Amino acid sequence: MPHFYFLWFELLSFAISLAFVTRLRRAGLIIFIPFLLLTNIEEWGSLHGFFTFRGSNTWMVNIFTNIEFLFYSYIFYSSTKNASFKKRIKYIFGGYFLLALINIFFIQKPANFHSYTYLLGSIMIIYYCCNFYYELIKTVQYINLARYPLFWIVSGLLFFYCGMFCYYIFFETYASRYFMQYWRLFNILTNIFNILLYSCFSIAFLCQQRKPI
């Protein structure tokens, strides 16, 4: 049975967000509290079979991963002052969501994980992250990155989705032939990617807060 140690880091990140709610509100990150609550409910519930239907919880995973893409799109949308980038985010996410619905209901079907559009969504988040770094480089205002919450959040997202993109490329190619090896790899990499992601979130909640650029 896989051991998802990252769930404890996920829970810790939520606890820290509650403990430092004033800082999150001041930094415009208060929305992370309901998001992390929902994340923990979905992840722990799935682990204990609360969302299993006909022997699978894939339907819940398909729903929640799209909620994640929506949430992170909103974070980037609300944190940038670039009107052109805001418009691109709306168009990109709208296009992604339409393709995700088509894929889930007509191509890979609800009983299967929507890996095709998950790859597309990963590229979408990676693009957002790269644009964030580009805007950060262009700003003339001095920013202490070690104490800038969005830097930690975006860095965690970039590592996570780069890793998951590469992982699902592997999954689509080799899972059917190396099933046991695939699940061992899934266990190891899922823990690594998620531990780093939620550790970055926790650092973002703990560090000195600044207004988004």
Protein backbone atom coordinates (compact mmCIF):
# COMPACT_ATOMS: atom_id res chain seq x y z
CA MET A 1 0.00 0.00 0.00
CA PRO A 2 1.42 3.44 -0.92
CA HIS A 3 2.49 5.68 1.96
CA PHE A 4 1.54 9.28 1.38
CA TYR A 5 3.73 11.01 3.96
CA PHE A 6 3.12 14.36 2.25
CA LEU A 7 -0.37 14.47 3.76
CA TRP A 8 1.16 15.47 7.10
CA PHE A 9 2.96 18.39 5.41
CA GLU A 10 -0.35 19.32 3.80
CA LEU A 11 -2.08 19.28 7.17
CA LEU A 12 0.75 21.26 8.76
CA SER A 13 0.49 23.89 6.03
CA PHE A 14 -3.23 24.28 6.77
CA ALA A 15 -2.54 24.56 10.52
CA ILE A 16 0.07 27.27 9.90
CA SER A 17 -2.36 29.19 7.68
CA LEU A 18 -4.87 29.21 10.56
CA ALA A 19 -2.23 30.25 13.10
CA PHE A 20 -1.09 33.17 10.93
CA VAL A 21 -4.45 34.23 9.53
CA THR A 22 -3.70 37.92 10.16
CA ARG A 23 -0.56 37.74 8.03
CA LEU A 24 -2.40 35.95 5.24
CA ARG A 25 -5.12 38.58 5.26
CA ARG A 26 -2.54 41.38 5.12
CA ALA A 27 -0.76 39.67 2.19
CA GLY A 28 -3.97 39.00 0.27
CA LEU A 29 -3.59 35.24 0.71
CA ILE A 30 -6.53 34.56 3.03
CA ILE A 31 -8.18 32.45 0.31
CA PHE A 32 -5.55 29.76 0.97
CA ILE A 33 -7.33 28.81 4.21
CA PRO A 34 -10.56 27.46 2.63
CA PHE A 35 -8.53 26.02 -0.25
CA LEU A 36 -6.22 24.07 2.07
CA LEU A 37 -9.19 22.94 4.14
CA LEU A 38 -10.84 21.57 1.00
CA THR A 39 -7.53 20.02 -0.08
CA ASN A 40 -7.12 18.18 3.22
CA ILE A 41 -10.71 16.96 3.15
CA GLU A 42 -10.25 15.60 -0.37
CA GLU A 43 -6.83 14.03 0.21
CA TRP A 44 -7.50 12.45 3.61
CA GLY A 45 -11.00 11.45 2.56
CA SER A 46 -9.68 9.75 -0.56
CA LEU A 47 -7.02 7.95 1.47
CA HIS A 48 -9.68 6.47 3.74
CA GLY A 49 -12.09 5.65 0.92
CA PHE A 50 -14.75 8.26 1.71
CA PHE A 51 -15.05 9.30 -1.93
CA THR A 52 -14.87 5.85 -3.48
CA PHE A 53 -17.61 5.04 -5.97
CA ARG A 54 -17.69 1.64 -7.64
CA GLY A 55 -14.22 0.89 -6.36
CA SER A 56 -12.60 4.13 -7.52
CA ASN A 57 -12.19 7.74 -6.38
CA THR A 58 -11.09 8.94 -9.83
CA TRP A 59 -14.22 11.06 -10.26
CA MET A 60 -13.24 13.09 -7.19
CA VAL A 61 -9.64 13.44 -8.33
CA ASN A 62 -10.83 14.73 -11.72
CA ILE A 63 -13.04 17.33 -10.03
CA PHE A 64 -10.48 18.43 -7.49
CA THR A 65 -7.52 18.77 -9.84
CA ASN A 66 -9.62 21.17 -11.93
CA ILE A 67 -10.50 23.12 -8.76
CA GLU A 68 -6.75 23.37 -8.12
CA PHE A 69 -6.11 24.75 -11.60
CA LEU A 70 -8.92 27.27 -11.11
CA PHE A 71 -7.58 28.32 -7.71
CA TYR A 72 -4.00 28.79 -8.86
CA SER A 73 -5.18 30.67 -11.95
CA TYR A 74 -7.05 33.03 -9.61
CA ILE A 75 -3.94 33.50 -7.43
CA PHE A 76 -1.89 34.57 -10.45
CA TYR A 77 -4.76 36.70 -11.78
CA SER A 78 -5.19 38.57 -8.50
CA SER A 79 -1.45 39.04 -7.84
CA THR A 80 -0.48 40.71 -11.12
CA LYS A 81 -1.07 44.31 -12.17
CA ASN A 82 -0.38 43.46 -15.81
CA ALA A 83 -3.73 43.91 -17.60
CA SER A 84 -2.53 41.94 -20.63
CA PHE A 85 -1.53 38.97 -18.47
CA LYS A 86 -4.85 39.10 -16.62
CA LYS A 87 -6.65 38.84 -19.96
CA ARG A 88 -4.45 35.94 -21.05
CA ILE A 89 -5.17 34.09 -17.83
CA LYS A 90 -8.93 34.34 -18.46
CA TYR A 91 -8.62 33.09 -22.03
CA ILE A 92 -6.11 30.36 -21.22
CA PHE A 93 -8.08 28.97 -18.29
CA GLY A 94 -11.36 29.21 -20.21
CA GLY A 95 -9.83 27.21 -23.06
CA TYR A 96 -8.31 24.70 -20.67
CA PHE A 97 -11.57 24.15 -18.81
CA LEU A 98 -13.51 23.55 -22.02
CA LEU A 99 -10.93 20.99 -23.18
CA ALA A 100 -10.95 19.33 -19.74
CA LEU A 101 -14.72 18.83 -19.89
CA ILE A 102 -14.50 17.41 -23.42
CA ASN A 103 -11.69 15.07 -22.36
CA ILE A 104 -13.36 13.85 -19.16
CA PHE A 105 -16.77 13.19 -20.69
CA PHE A 106 -15.94 12.16 -24.26
CA ILE A 107 -12.31 11.04 -24.57
CA GLN A 108 -10.82 9.55 -21.39
CA LYS A 109 -14.26 9.33 -19.71
CA PRO A 110 -15.12 10.01 -16.02
CA ALA A 111 -13.92 6.58 -14.84
CA ASN A 112 -10.35 7.38 -15.91
CA PHE A 113 -7.97 10.06 -14.70
CA HIS A 114 -7.89 13.02 -17.11
CA SER A 115 -4.15 12.74 -17.67
CA TYR A 116 -4.21 14.44 -21.09
CA THR A 117 -5.69 17.66 -19.80
CA TYR A 118 -3.72 17.38 -16.53
CA LEU A 119 -0.60 17.65 -18.68
CA LEU A 120 -2.14 20.69 -20.38
CA GLY A 121 -3.03 22.21 -17.02
CA SER A 122 0.51 21.63 -15.78
CA ILE A 123 1.87 23.54 -18.77
CA MET A 124 -0.62 26.32 -17.99
CA ILE A 125 0.65 26.68 -14.39
CA ILE A 126 4.30 26.51 -15.52
CA TYR A 127 3.57 29.36 -17.96
CA TYR A 128 2.00 31.42 -15.16
CA CYS A 129 5.06 30.82 -12.98
CA CYS A 130 7.48 31.87 -15.71
CA ASN A 131 5.47 35.04 -16.29
CA PHE A 132 5.59 35.77 -12.56
CA TYR A 133 9.39 35.50 -12.55
CA TYR A 134 9.57 37.69 -15.65
CA GLU A 135 7.50 40.40 -13.96
CA LEU A 136 9.64 40.03 -10.84
CA ILE A 137 12.84 40.58 -12.83
CA LYS A 138 11.39 43.66 -14.51
CA THR A 139 10.28 45.42 -11.32
CA VAL A 140 12.49 48.28 -10.14
CA GLN A 141 11.34 47.88 -6.53
CA TYR A 142 13.73 46.03 -4.23
CA ILE A 143 12.19 42.80 -2.94
CA ASN A 144 13.73 40.48 -0.39
CA LEU A 145 12.76 37.17 -1.99
CA ALA A 146 13.34 35.20 1.20
CA ARG A 147 10.54 37.23 2.81
CA TYR A 148 8.23 37.51 -0.18
CA PRO A 149 5.34 34.99 0.16
CA LEU A 150 4.40 34.84 -3.53
CA PHE A 151 7.97 33.92 -4.45
CA TRP A 152 7.75 30.82 -2.24
CA ILE A 153 4.27 29.90 -3.47
CA VAL A 154 5.23 30.22 -7.12
CA SER A 155 8.52 28.36 -6.61
CA GLY A 156 6.65 25.46 -5.01
CA LEU A 157 4.12 25.41 -7.85
CA LEU A 158 6.83 25.50 -10.51
CA PHE A 159 8.71 22.54 -9.04
CA PHE A 160 5.50 20.58 -8.41
CA TYR A 161 3.99 20.99 -11.88
CA CYS A 162 7.28 20.54 -13.72
CA GLY A 163 7.70 17.30 -11.82
CA MET A 164 4.12 16.13 -12.35
CA PHE A 165 4.29 17.00 -16.06
CA CYS A 166 7.37 14.80 -16.49
CA TYR A 167 5.79 12.12 -14.33
CA TYR A 168 2.58 11.84 -16.35
CA ILE A 169 4.56 11.75 -19.57
CA PHE A 170 6.19 8.67 -18.01
CA PHE A 171 2.80 7.36 -16.86
CA GLU A 172 1.18 7.51 -20.29
CA THR A 173 4.14 5.78 -21.90
CA TYR A 174 5.11 3.05 -19.44
CA ALA A 175 2.40 2.41 -16.84
CA SER A 176 0.64 -0.33 -18.79
CA ARG A 177 3.88 -2.31 -19.20
CA TYR A 178 5.53 -1.75 -15.82
CA PHE A 179 2.58 -1.54 -13.47
CA MET A 180 4.32 -2.28 -10.14
CA GLN A 181 7.32 -0.14 -11.00
CA TYR A 182 4.93 2.65 -11.95
CA TRP A 183 3.19 2.61 -8.57
CA ARG A 184 6.51 2.58 -6.70
CA LEU A 185 7.59 5.57 -8.73
CA PHE A 186 4.21 7.23 -8.13
CA ASN A 187 4.62 6.81 -4.36
CA ILE A 188 8.15 8.22 -4.28
CA LEU A 189 7.66 11.17 -6.60
CA THR A 190 4.24 12.16 -5.26
CA ASN A 191 5.74 12.44 -1.79
CA ILE A 192 8.74 14.46 -3.00
CA PHE A 193 6.73 16.90 -5.15
CA ASN A 194 3.99 17.46 -2.57
CA ILE A 195 6.34 17.78 0.40
CA LEU A 196 8.24 20.51 -1.41
CA LEU A 197 5.00 22.24 -2.51
CA TYR A 198 3.45 22.38 0.96
CA SER A 199 6.77 23.24 2.58
CA CYS A 200 6.96 26.27 0.27
CA PHE A 201 3.38 27.19 1.18
CA SER A 202 4.26 26.97 4.88
CA ILE A 203 7.31 29.20 4.41
CA ALA A 204 5.14 31.70 2.51
CA PHE A 205 2.69 31.85 5.42
CA LEU A 206 5.48 32.27 7.98
CA CYS A 207 7.71 34.81 6.29
CA GLN A 208 7.25 38.57 6.56
CA GLN A 209 4.33 39.60 4.39
CA ARG A 210 4.39 42.08 1.54
CA LYS A 211 1.78 43.33 -0.86
CA PRO A 212 1.83 41.60 -4.27
CA ILE A 213 3.79 43.48 -6.94
